[in-house]
């Protein structure tokens, strides 16, 4: 469970950083970043990568193996709890 949680936070941080760098810094505030994280999690639970805020040239890997975005952790996710701990800068 801890490994899954660590992977989740790394993925969310990476997505948030990529979006923040690609946009004007003033155009994506904390609420915007939280929204991106929520979109990502909802897409993961739905097992539908088209609902996630991915870049067009996304390369998705787990344990150094290139996978389609709906494999690996995406395939095994089943739902979200009420508890949410968000790391944003």
PDB file of N, CA and C in Angstrom:
ATOM      1  N   UNK A   1       0.816  -1.192   0.000  1.00  0.00           N
ATOM      2  CA  UNK A   1       0.000   0.000   0.000  1.00  0.00           C
ATOM      3  C   UNK A   1       0.862   1.258   0.000  1.00  0.00           C
ATOM      4  N   UNK A   2       1.945   1.243   0.767  1.00  0.00           N
ATOM      5  CA  UNK A   2       2.816   2.415   0.810  1.00  0.00           C
ATOM      6  C   UNK A   2       3.471   2.660  -0.543  1.00  0.00           C
ATOM      7  N   UNK A   3       3.840   1.568  -1.222  1.00  0.00           N
ATOM      8  CA  UNK A   3       4.456   1.712  -2.543  1.00  0.00           C
ATOM      9  C   UNK A   3       3.454   2.315  -3.520  1.00  0.00           C
ATOM     10  N   UNK A   4       2.218   1.885  -3.461  1.00  0.00           N
ATOM     11  CA  UNK A   4       1.161   2.409  -4.323  1.00  0.00           C
ATOM     12  C   UNK A   4       0.935   3.890  -4.031  1.00  0.00           C
ATOM     13  N   UNK A   5       0.933   4.255  -2.773  1.00  0.00           N
ATOM     14  CA  UNK A   5       0.744   5.642  -2.379  1.00  0.00           C
ATOM     15  C   UNK A   5       1.912   6.504  -2.856  1.00  0.00           C
ATOM     16  N   UNK A   6       3.126   5.992  -2.744  1.00  0.00           N
ATOM     17  CA  UNK A   6       4.294   6.732  -3.206  1.00  0.00           C
ATOM     18  C   UNK A   6       4.246   6.933  -4.719  1.00  0.00           C
ATOM     19  N   UNK A   7       3.864   5.904  -5.452  1.00  0.00           N
ATOM     20  CA  UNK A   7       3.744   6.020  -6.908  1.00  0.00           C
ATOM     21  C   UNK A   7       2.691   7.069  -7.253  1.00  0.00           C
ATOM     22  N   UNK A   8       1.585   7.046  -6.555  1.00  0.00           N
ATOM     23  CA  UNK A   8       0.518   8.017  -6.796  1.00  0.00           C
ATOM     24  C   UNK A   8       1.026   9.450  -6.644  1.00  0.00           C
ATOM     25  N   UNK A   9       1.727   9.728  -5.546  1.00  0.00           N
ATOM     26  CA  UNK A   9       2.205  11.083  -5.314  1.00  0.00           C
ATOM     27  C   UNK A   9       3.239  11.511  -6.345  1.00  0.00           C
ATOM     28  N   UNK A  10       4.094  10.612  -6.770  1.00  0.00           N
ATOM     29  CA  UNK A  10       5.082  10.939  -7.797  1.00  0.00           C
ATOM     30  C   UNK A  10       4.389  11.276  -9.104  1.00  0.00           C
ATOM     31  N   UNK A  11       3.398  10.489  -9.464  1.00  0.00           N
ATOM     32  CA  UNK A  11       2.664  10.736 -10.713  1.00  0.00           C
ATOM     33  C   UNK A  11       1.945  12.078 -10.654  1.00  0.00           C
ATOM     34  N   UNK A  12       1.248  12.344  -9.579  1.00  0.00           N
ATOM     35  CA  UNK A  12       0.513  13.608  -9.441  1.00  0.00           C
ATOM     36  C   UNK A  12       1.474  14.787  -9.474  1.00  0.00           C
ATOM     37  N   UNK A  13       2.591  14.684  -8.778  1.00  0.00           N
ATOM     38  CA  UNK A  13       3.572  15.764  -8.769  1.00  0.00           C
ATOM     39  C   UNK A  13       4.122  15.998 -10.169  1.00  0.00           C
ATOM     40  N   UNK A  14       4.429  14.931 -10.886  1.00  0.00           N
ATOM     41  CA  UNK A  14       4.971  15.049 -12.234  1.00  0.00           C
ATOM     42  C   UNK A  14       3.978  15.711 -13.177  1.00  0.00           C
ATOM     43  N   UNK A  15       2.732  15.297 -13.106  1.00  0.00           N
ATOM     44  CA  UNK A  15       1.702  15.894 -13.961  1.00  0.00           C
ATOM     45  C   UNK A  15       1.514  17.368 -13.621  1.00  0.00           C
ATOM     46  N   UNK A  16       1.426  17.662 -12.344  1.00  0.00           N
ATOM     47  CA  UNK A  16       1.224  19.055 -11.931  1.00  0.00           C
ATOM     48  C   UNK A  16       2.404  19.931 -12.360  1.00  0.00           C
ATOM     49  N   UNK A  17       3.614  19.422 -12.219  1.00  0.00           N
ATOM     50  CA  UNK A  17       4.786  20.192 -12.619  1.00  0.00           C
ATOM     51  C   UNK A  17       4.806  20.422 -14.123  1.00  0.00           C
ATOM     52  N   UNK A  18       4.454  19.401 -14.890  1.00  0.00           N
ATOM     53  CA  UNK A  18       4.448  19.537 -16.351  1.00  0.00           C
ATOM     54  C   UNK A  18       3.401  20.546 -16.805  1.00  0.00           C
ATOM     55  N   UNK A  19       2.241  20.485 -16.217  1.00  0.00           N
ATOM     56  CA  UNK A  19       1.180  21.432 -16.587  1.00  0.00           C
ATOM     57  C   UNK A  19       1.562  22.841 -16.174  1.00  0.00           C
ATOM     58  N   UNK A  20       2.112  22.984 -14.992  1.00  0.00           N
ATOM     59  CA  UNK A  20       2.502  24.312 -14.512  1.00  0.00           C
ATOM     60  C   UNK A  20       3.587  24.928 -15.391  1.00  0.00           C
ATOM     61  N   UNK A  21       4.517  24.114 -15.870  1.00  0.00           N
ATOM     62  CA  UNK A  21       5.577  24.636 -16.723  1.00  0.00           C
ATOM     63  C   UNK A  21       5.074  24.962 -18.114  1.00  0.00           C
ATOM     64  N   UNK A  22       4.080  24.233 -18.597  1.00  0.00           N
ATOM     65  CA  UNK A  22       3.597  24.455 -19.954  1.00  0.00           C
ATOM     66  C   UNK A  22       2.661  25.652 -20.044  1.00  0.00           C
ATOM     67  N   UNK A  23       2.131  26.092 -18.928  1.00  0.00           N
ATOM     68  CA  UNK A  23       1.213  27.224 -18.913  1.00  0.00           C
ATOM     69  C   UNK A  23       1.896  28.439 -18.316  1.00  0.00           C
ATOM     70  N   UNK A  24       1.268  29.558 -18.506  1.00  0.00           N
ATOM     71  CA  UNK A  24       1.709  30.768 -17.839  1.00  0.00           C
ATOM     72  C   UNK A  24       1.563  30.535 -16.339  1.00  0.00           C
ATOM     73  N   UNK A  25       2.588  30.789 -15.537  1.00  0.00           N
ATOM     74  CA  UNK A  25       2.510  30.465 -14.103  1.00  0.00           C
ATOM     75  C   UNK A  25       1.299  31.064 -13.398  1.00  0.00           C
ATOM     76  N   UNK A  26       0.834  32.203 -13.839  1.00  0.00           N
ATOM     77  CA  UNK A  26      -0.304  32.822 -13.169  1.00  0.00           C
ATOM     78  C   UNK A  26      -1.638  32.232 -13.631  1.00  0.00           C
ATOM     79  N   UNK A  27      -1.634  31.391 -14.661  1.00  0.00           N
ATOM     80  CA  UNK A  27      -2.894  30.877 -15.174  1.00  0.00           C
ATOM     81  C   UNK A  27      -3.342  29.571 -14.507  1.00  0.00           C
ATOM     82  N   UNK A  28      -2.503  28.941 -13.702  1.00  0.00           N
ATOM     83  CA  UNK A  28      -2.892  27.710 -13.021  1.00  0.00           C
ATOM     84  C   UNK A  28      -2.521  27.833 -11.538  1.00  0.00           C
ATOM     85  N   UNK A  29      -3.509  28.178 -10.742  1.00  0.00           N
ATOM     86  CA  UNK A  29      -3.288  28.339  -9.311  1.00  0.00           C
ATOM     87  C   UNK A  29      -3.502  27.010  -8.582  1.00  0.00           C
ATOM     88  N   UNK A  30      -3.593  27.063  -7.281  1.00  0.00           N
ATOM     89  CA  UNK A  30      -3.748  25.842  -6.480  1.00  0.00           C
ATOM     90  C   UNK A  30      -5.007  25.063  -6.866  1.00  0.00           C
ATOM     91  N   UNK A  31      -6.108  25.757  -7.045  1.00  0.00           N
ATOM     92  CA  UNK A  31      -7.362  25.087  -7.417  1.00  0.00           C
ATOM     93  C   UNK A  31      -7.227  24.400  -8.774  1.00  0.00           C
ATOM     94  N   UNK A  32      -6.525  25.036  -9.694  1.00  0.00           N
ATOM     95  CA  UNK A  32      -6.285  24.447 -11.014  1.00  0.00           C
ATOM     96  C   UNK A  32      -5.479  23.155 -10.884  1.00  0.00           C
ATOM     97  N   UNK A  33      -4.422  23.191 -10.085  1.00  0.00           N
ATOM     98  CA  UNK A  33      -3.590  21.999  -9.899  1.00  0.00           C
ATOM     99  C   UNK A  33      -4.362  20.877  -9.207  1.00  0.00           C
ATOM    100  N   UNK A  34      -5.180  21.227  -8.217  1.00  0.00           N
ATOM    101  CA  UNK A  34      -6.010  20.216  -7.564  1.00  0.00           C
ATOM    102  C   UNK A  34      -6.988  19.600  -8.551  1.00  0.00           C
ATOM    103  N   UNK A  35      -7.527  20.416  -9.432  1.00  0.00           N
ATOM    104  CA  UNK A  35      -8.438  19.919 -10.459  1.00  0.00           C
ATOM    105  C   UNK A  35      -7.763  18.937 -11.396  1.00  0.00           C
ATOM    106  N   UNK A  36      -6.518  19.220 -11.754  1.00  0.00           N
ATOM    107  CA  UNK A  36      -5.761  18.309 -12.618  1.00  0.00           C
ATOM    108  C   UNK A  36      -5.549  16.971 -11.915  1.00  0.00           C
ATOM    109  N   UNK A  37      -5.196  17.025 -10.645  1.00  0.00           N
ATOM    110  CA  UNK A  37      -5.018  15.791  -9.873  1.00  0.00           C
ATOM    111  C   UNK A  37      -6.308  15.001  -9.765  1.00  0.00           C
ATOM    112  N   UNK A  38      -7.418  15.705  -9.544  1.00  0.00           N
ATOM    113  CA  UNK A  38      -8.717  15.034  -9.447  1.00  0.00           C
ATOM    114  C   UNK A  38      -9.114  14.396 -10.779  1.00  0.00           C
ATOM    115  N   UNK A  39      -8.837  15.092 -11.889  1.00  0.00           N
ATOM    116  CA  UNK A  39      -9.116  14.533 -13.216  1.00  0.00           C
ATOM    117  C   UNK A  39      -8.322  13.255 -13.431  1.00  0.00           C
ATOM    118  N   UNK A  40      -7.053  13.286 -13.049  1.00  0.00           N
ATOM    119  CA  UNK A  40      -6.183  12.129 -13.216  1.00  0.00           C
ATOM    120  C   UNK A  40      -6.718  10.937 -12.426  1.00  0.00           C
ATOM    121  N   UNK A  41      -7.075  11.168 -11.170  1.00  0.00           N
ATOM    122  CA  UNK A  41      -7.571  10.078 -10.330  1.00  0.00           C
ATOM    123  C   UNK A  41      -8.898   9.527 -10.838  1.00  0.00           C
ATOM    124  N   UNK A  42      -9.794  10.402 -11.267  1.00  0.00           N
ATOM    125  CA  UNK A  42     -11.075   9.949 -11.800  1.00  0.00           C
ATOM    126  C   UNK A  42     -10.873   9.108 -13.056  1.00  0.00           C
ATOM    127  N   UNK A  43      -9.938   9.519 -13.903  1.00  0.00           N
ATOM    128  CA  UNK A  43      -9.646   8.752 -15.121  1.00  0.00           C
ATOM    129  C   UNK A  43      -9.037   7.397 -14.767  1.00  0.00           C
ATOM    130  N   UNK A  44      -8.193   7.369 -13.735  1.00  0.00           N
ATOM    131  CA  UNK A  44      -7.563   6.122 -13.324  1.00  0.00           C
ATOM    132  C   UNK A  44      -8.595   5.132 -12.805  1.00  0.00           C
ATOM    133  N   UNK A  45      -9.521   5.602 -11.985  1.00  0.00           N
ATOM    134  CA  UNK A  45     -10.558   4.731 -11.437  1.00  0.00           C
ATOM    135  C   UNK A  45     -11.494   4.248 -12.549  1.00  0.00           C
ATOM    136  N   UNK A  46     -11.742   5.106 -13.539  1.00  0.00           N
ATOM    137  CA  UNK A  46     -12.610   4.740 -14.663  1.00  0.00           C
ATOM    138  C   UNK A  46     -11.884   3.870 -15.694  1.00  0.00           C
ATOM    139  N   UNK A  47     -10.570   3.708 -15.528  1.00  0.00           N
ATOM    140  CA  UNK A  47      -9.742   2.950 -16.475  1.00  0.00           C
ATOM    141  C   UNK A  47      -9.848   3.531 -17.889  1.00  0.00           C
ATOM    142  N   UNK A  48      -9.906   4.863 -17.969  1.00  0.00           N
ATOM    143  CA  UNK A  48     -10.062   5.547 -19.251  1.00  0.00           C
ATOM    144  C   UNK A  48      -9.037   6.674 -19.348  1.00  0.00           C
ATOM    145  N   UNK A  49      -7.937   6.423 -20.053  1.00  0.00           N
ATOM    146  CA  UNK A  49      -6.861   7.406 -20.173  1.00  0.00           C
ATOM    147  C   UNK A  49      -7.273   8.643 -20.954  1.00  0.00           C
ATOM    148  N   UNK A  50      -8.315   8.545 -21.765  1.00  0.00           N
ATOM    149  CA  UNK A  50      -8.743   9.714 -22.537  1.00  0.00           C
ATOM    150  C   UNK A  50      -9.335  10.801 -21.639  1.00  0.00           C
ATOM    151  N   UNK A  51      -9.716  10.461 -20.420  1.00  0.00           N
ATOM    152  CA  UNK A  51     -10.264  11.440 -19.477  1.00  0.00           C
ATOM    153  C   UNK A  51      -9.167  12.132 -18.665  1.00  0.00           C
ATOM    154  N   UNK A  52      -7.936  11.661 -18.760  1.00  0.00           N
ATOM    155  CA  UNK A  52      -6.824  12.219 -17.984  1.00  0.00           C
ATOM    156  C   UNK A  52      -6.178  13.375 -18.739  1.00  0.00           C
ATOM    157  N   UNK A  53      -5.618  14.335 -18.000  1.00  0.00           N
ATOM    158  CA  UNK A  53      -4.968  15.485 -18.635  1.00  0.00           C
ATOM    159  C   UNK A  53      -3.532  15.152 -19.067  1.00  0.00           C
ATOM    160  N   UNK A  54      -3.398  14.252 -20.033  1.00  0.00           N
ATOM    161  CA  UNK A  54      -2.079  13.834 -20.502  1.00  0.00           C
ATOM    162  C   UNK A  54      -1.606  14.679 -21.676  1.00  0.00           C
ATOM    163  N   UNK A  55      -0.302  14.783 -21.808  1.00  0.00           N
ATOM    164  CA  UNK A  55       0.285  15.404 -22.995  1.00  0.00           C
ATOM    165  C   UNK A  55       0.122  14.453 -24.177  1.00  0.00           C
ATOM    166  N   UNK A  56       0.150  14.985 -25.374  1.00  0.00           N
ATOM    167  CA  UNK A  56      -0.025  14.154 -26.570  1.00  0.00           C
ATOM    168  C   UNK A  56       1.115  13.151 -26.742  1.00  0.00           C
ATOM    169  N   UNK A  57       2.298  13.496 -26.277  1.00  0.00           N
ATOM    170  CA  UNK A  57       3.462  12.619 -26.443  1.00  0.00           C
ATOM    171  C   UNK A  57       3.817  11.878 -25.149  1.00  0.00           C
ATOM    172  N   UNK A  58       2.816  11.476 -24.395  1.00  0.00           N
ATOM    173  CA  UNK A  58       3.006  10.788 -23.121  1.00  0.00           C
ATOM    174  C   UNK A  58       3.731   9.450 -23.308  1.00  0.00           C
ATOM    175  N   UNK A  59       4.688   9.189 -22.442  1.00  0.00           N
ATOM    176  CA  UNK A  59       5.322   7.873 -22.346  1.00  0.00           C
ATOM    177  C   UNK A  59       5.085   7.413 -20.905  1.00  0.00           C
ATOM    178  N   UNK A  60       4.308   6.363 -20.740  1.00  0.00           N
ATOM    179  CA  UNK A  60       3.928   5.858 -19.428  1.00  0.00           C
ATOM    180  C   UNK A  60       4.779   4.640 -19.104  1.00  0.00           C
ATOM    181  N   UNK A  61       5.454   4.653 -17.963  1.00  0.00           N
ATOM    182  CA  UNK A  61       6.288   3.519 -17.565  1.00  0.00           C
ATOM    183  C   UNK A  61       6.005   3.141 -16.115  1.00  0.00           C
ATOM    184  N   UNK A  62       6.178   1.867 -15.824  1.00  0.00           N
ATOM    185  CA  UNK A  62       6.180   1.356 -14.456  1.00  0.00           C
ATOM    186  C   UNK A  62       7.306   0.348 -14.362  1.00  0.00           C
ATOM    187  N   UNK A  63       8.159   0.536 -13.367  1.00  0.00           N
ATOM    188  CA  UNK A  63       9.324  -0.334 -13.177  1.00  0.00           C
ATOM    189  C   UNK A  63      10.154  -0.432 -14.457  1.00  0.00           C
ATOM    190  N   UNK A  64      10.378   0.706 -15.085  1.00  0.00           N
ATOM    191  CA  UNK A  64      11.171   0.869 -16.307  1.00  0.00           C
ATOM    192  C   UNK A  64      10.603   0.130 -17.520  1.00  0.00           C
ATOM    193  N   UNK A  65       9.351  -0.273 -17.462  1.00  0.00           N
ATOM    194  CA  UNK A  65       8.711  -0.950 -18.592  1.00  0.00           C
ATOM    195  C   UNK A  65       7.674  -0.003 -19.193  1.00  0.00           C
ATOM    196  N   UNK A  66       7.790   0.249 -20.491  1.00  0.00           N
ATOM    197  CA  UNK A  66       6.848   1.122 -21.181  1.00  0.00           C
ATOM    198  C   UNK A  66       5.511   0.392 -21.336  1.00  0.00           C
ATOM    199  N   UNK A  67       4.452   1.044 -20.871  1.00  0.00           N
ATOM    200  CA  UNK A  67       3.110   0.456 -20.897  1.00  0.00           C
ATOM    201  C   UNK A  67       2.119   1.444 -21.492  1.00  0.00           C
ATOM    202  N   UNK A  68       1.001   0.935 -22.010  1.00  0.00           N
ATOM    203  CA  UNK A  68      -0.087   1.849 -22.361  1.00  0.00           C
ATOM    204  C   UNK A  68      -0.630   2.468 -21.068  1.00  0.00           C
ATOM    205  N   UNK A  69      -1.180   3.667 -21.110  1.00  0.00           N
ATOM    206  CA  UNK A  69      -1.625   4.337 -19.884  1.00  0.00           C
ATOM    207  C   UNK A  69      -2.686   3.586 -19.083  1.00  0.00           C
ATOM    208  N   UNK A  70      -3.375   2.633 -19.656  1.00  0.00           N
ATOM    209  CA  UNK A  70      -4.418   1.929 -18.906  1.00  0.00           C
ATOM    210  C   UNK A  70      -3.942   0.600 -18.338  1.00  0.00           C
ATOM    211  N   UNK A  71      -2.653   0.341 -18.338  1.00  0.00           N
ATOM    212  CA  UNK A  71      -2.111  -0.891 -17.760  1.00  0.00           C
ATOM    213  C   UNK A  71      -1.490  -0.588 -16.405  1.00  0.00           C
ATOM    214  N   UNK A  72      -0.976  -1.595 -15.757  1.00  0.00           N
ATOM    215  CA  UNK A  72      -0.294  -1.431 -14.481  1.00  0.00           C
ATOM    216  C   UNK A  72      -1.231  -0.932 -13.408  1.00  0.00           C
ATOM    217  N   UNK A  73      -0.854   0.131 -12.724  1.00  0.00           N
ATOM    218  CA  UNK A  73      -1.646   0.697 -11.643  1.00  0.00           C
ATOM    219  C   UNK A  73      -3.028   1.113 -12.130  1.00  0.00           C
ATOM    220  N   UNK A  74      -3.127   1.579 -13.349  1.00  0.00           N
ATOM    221  CA  UNK A  74      -4.421   1.984 -13.896  1.00  0.00           C
ATOM    222  C   UNK A  74      -5.381   0.797 -13.960  1.00  0.00           C
ATOM    223  N   UNK A  75      -4.881  -0.362 -14.268  1.00  0.00           N
ATOM    224  CA  UNK A  75      -5.718  -1.555 -14.405  1.00  0.00           C
ATOM    225  C   UNK A  75      -6.217  -2.049 -13.054  1.00  0.00           C
ATOM    226  N   UNK A  76      -5.439  -1.850 -12.005  1.00  0.00           N
ATOM    227  CA  UNK A  76      -5.791  -2.401 -10.696  1.00  0.00           C
ATOM    228  C   UNK A  76      -6.526  -1.420  -9.791  1.00  0.00           C
ATOM    229  N   UNK A  77      -6.572  -0.151 -10.130  1.00  0.00           N
ATOM    230  CA  UNK A  77      -7.272   0.809  -9.264  1.00  0.00           C
ATOM    231  C   UNK A  77      -8.770   0.526  -9.283  1.00  0.00           C
ATOM    232  N   UNK A  78      -9.391   0.640  -8.111  1.00  0.00           N
ATOM    233  CA  UNK A  78     -10.802   0.278  -8.034  1.00  0.00           C
ATOM    234  C   UNK A  78     -11.678   1.379  -7.441  1.00  0.00           C
ATOM    235  N   UNK A  79     -11.101   2.371  -6.824  1.00  0.00           N
ATOM    236  CA  UNK A  79     -11.915   3.434  -6.244  1.00  0.00           C
ATOM    237  C   UNK A  79     -11.079   4.375  -5.408  1.00  0.00           C
ATOM    238  N   UNK A  80     -11.718   5.420  -4.937  1.00  0.00           N
ATOM    239  CA  UNK A  80     -11.063   6.419  -4.104  1.00  0.00           C
ATOM    240  C   UNK A  80     -11.739   6.462  -2.747  1.00  0.00           C
ATOM    241  N   UNK A  81     -10.959   6.704  -1.715  1.00  0.00           N
ATOM    242  CA  UNK A  81     -11.504   6.895  -0.377  1.00  0.00           C
ATOM    243  C   UNK A  81     -11.881   8.357  -0.183  1.00  0.00           C
ATOM    244  N   UNK A  82     -12.507   8.653   0.927  1.00  0.00           N
ATOM    245  CA  UNK A  82     -12.861  10.032   1.242  1.00  0.00           C
ATOM    246  C   UNK A  82     -11.633  10.855   1.629  1.00  0.00           C
ATOM    247  N   UNK A  83     -10.613  10.197   2.156  1.00  0.00           N
ATOM    248  CA  UNK A  83      -9.413  10.901   2.593  1.00  0.00           C
ATOM    249  C   UNK A  83      -8.574  11.306   1.390  1.00  0.00           C
ATOM    250  N   UNK A  84      -8.114  12.552   1.397  1.00  0.00           N
ATOM    251  CA  UNK A  84      -7.291  13.055   0.299  1.00  0.00           C
ATOM    252  C   UNK A  84      -6.223  13.950   0.897  1.00  0.00           C
ATOM    253  N   UNK A  85      -4.973  13.680   0.560  1.00  0.00           N
ATOM    254  CA  UNK A  85      -3.849  14.469   1.033  1.00  0.00           C
ATOM    255  C   UNK A  85      -3.129  14.975  -0.201  1.00  0.00           C
ATOM    256  N   UNK A  86      -3.150  16.279  -0.434  1.00  0.00           N
ATOM    257  CA  UNK A  86      -2.612  16.860  -1.655  1.00  0.00           C
ATOM    258  C   UNK A  86      -1.345  17.637  -1.359  1.00  0.00           C
ATOM    259  N   UNK A  87      -0.305  17.396  -2.150  1.00  0.00           N
ATOM    260  CA  UNK A  87       0.943  18.144  -2.042  1.00  0.00           C
ATOM    261  C   UNK A  87       1.029  19.100  -3.235  1.00  0.00           C
ATOM    262  N   UNK A  88       0.969  20.373  -2.981  1.00  0.00           N
ATOM    263  CA  UNK A  88       1.087  21.381  -4.035  1.00  0.00           C
ATOM    264  C   UNK A  88       2.031  22.466  -3.574  1.00  0.00           C
ATOM    265  N   UNK A  89       2.655  23.067  -4.520  1.00  0.00           N
ATOM    266  CA  UNK A  89       3.579  24.153  -4.205  1.00  0.00           C
ATOM    267  C   UNK A  89       3.116  25.396  -4.882  1.00  0.00           C
TER     268      UNK A  89
END
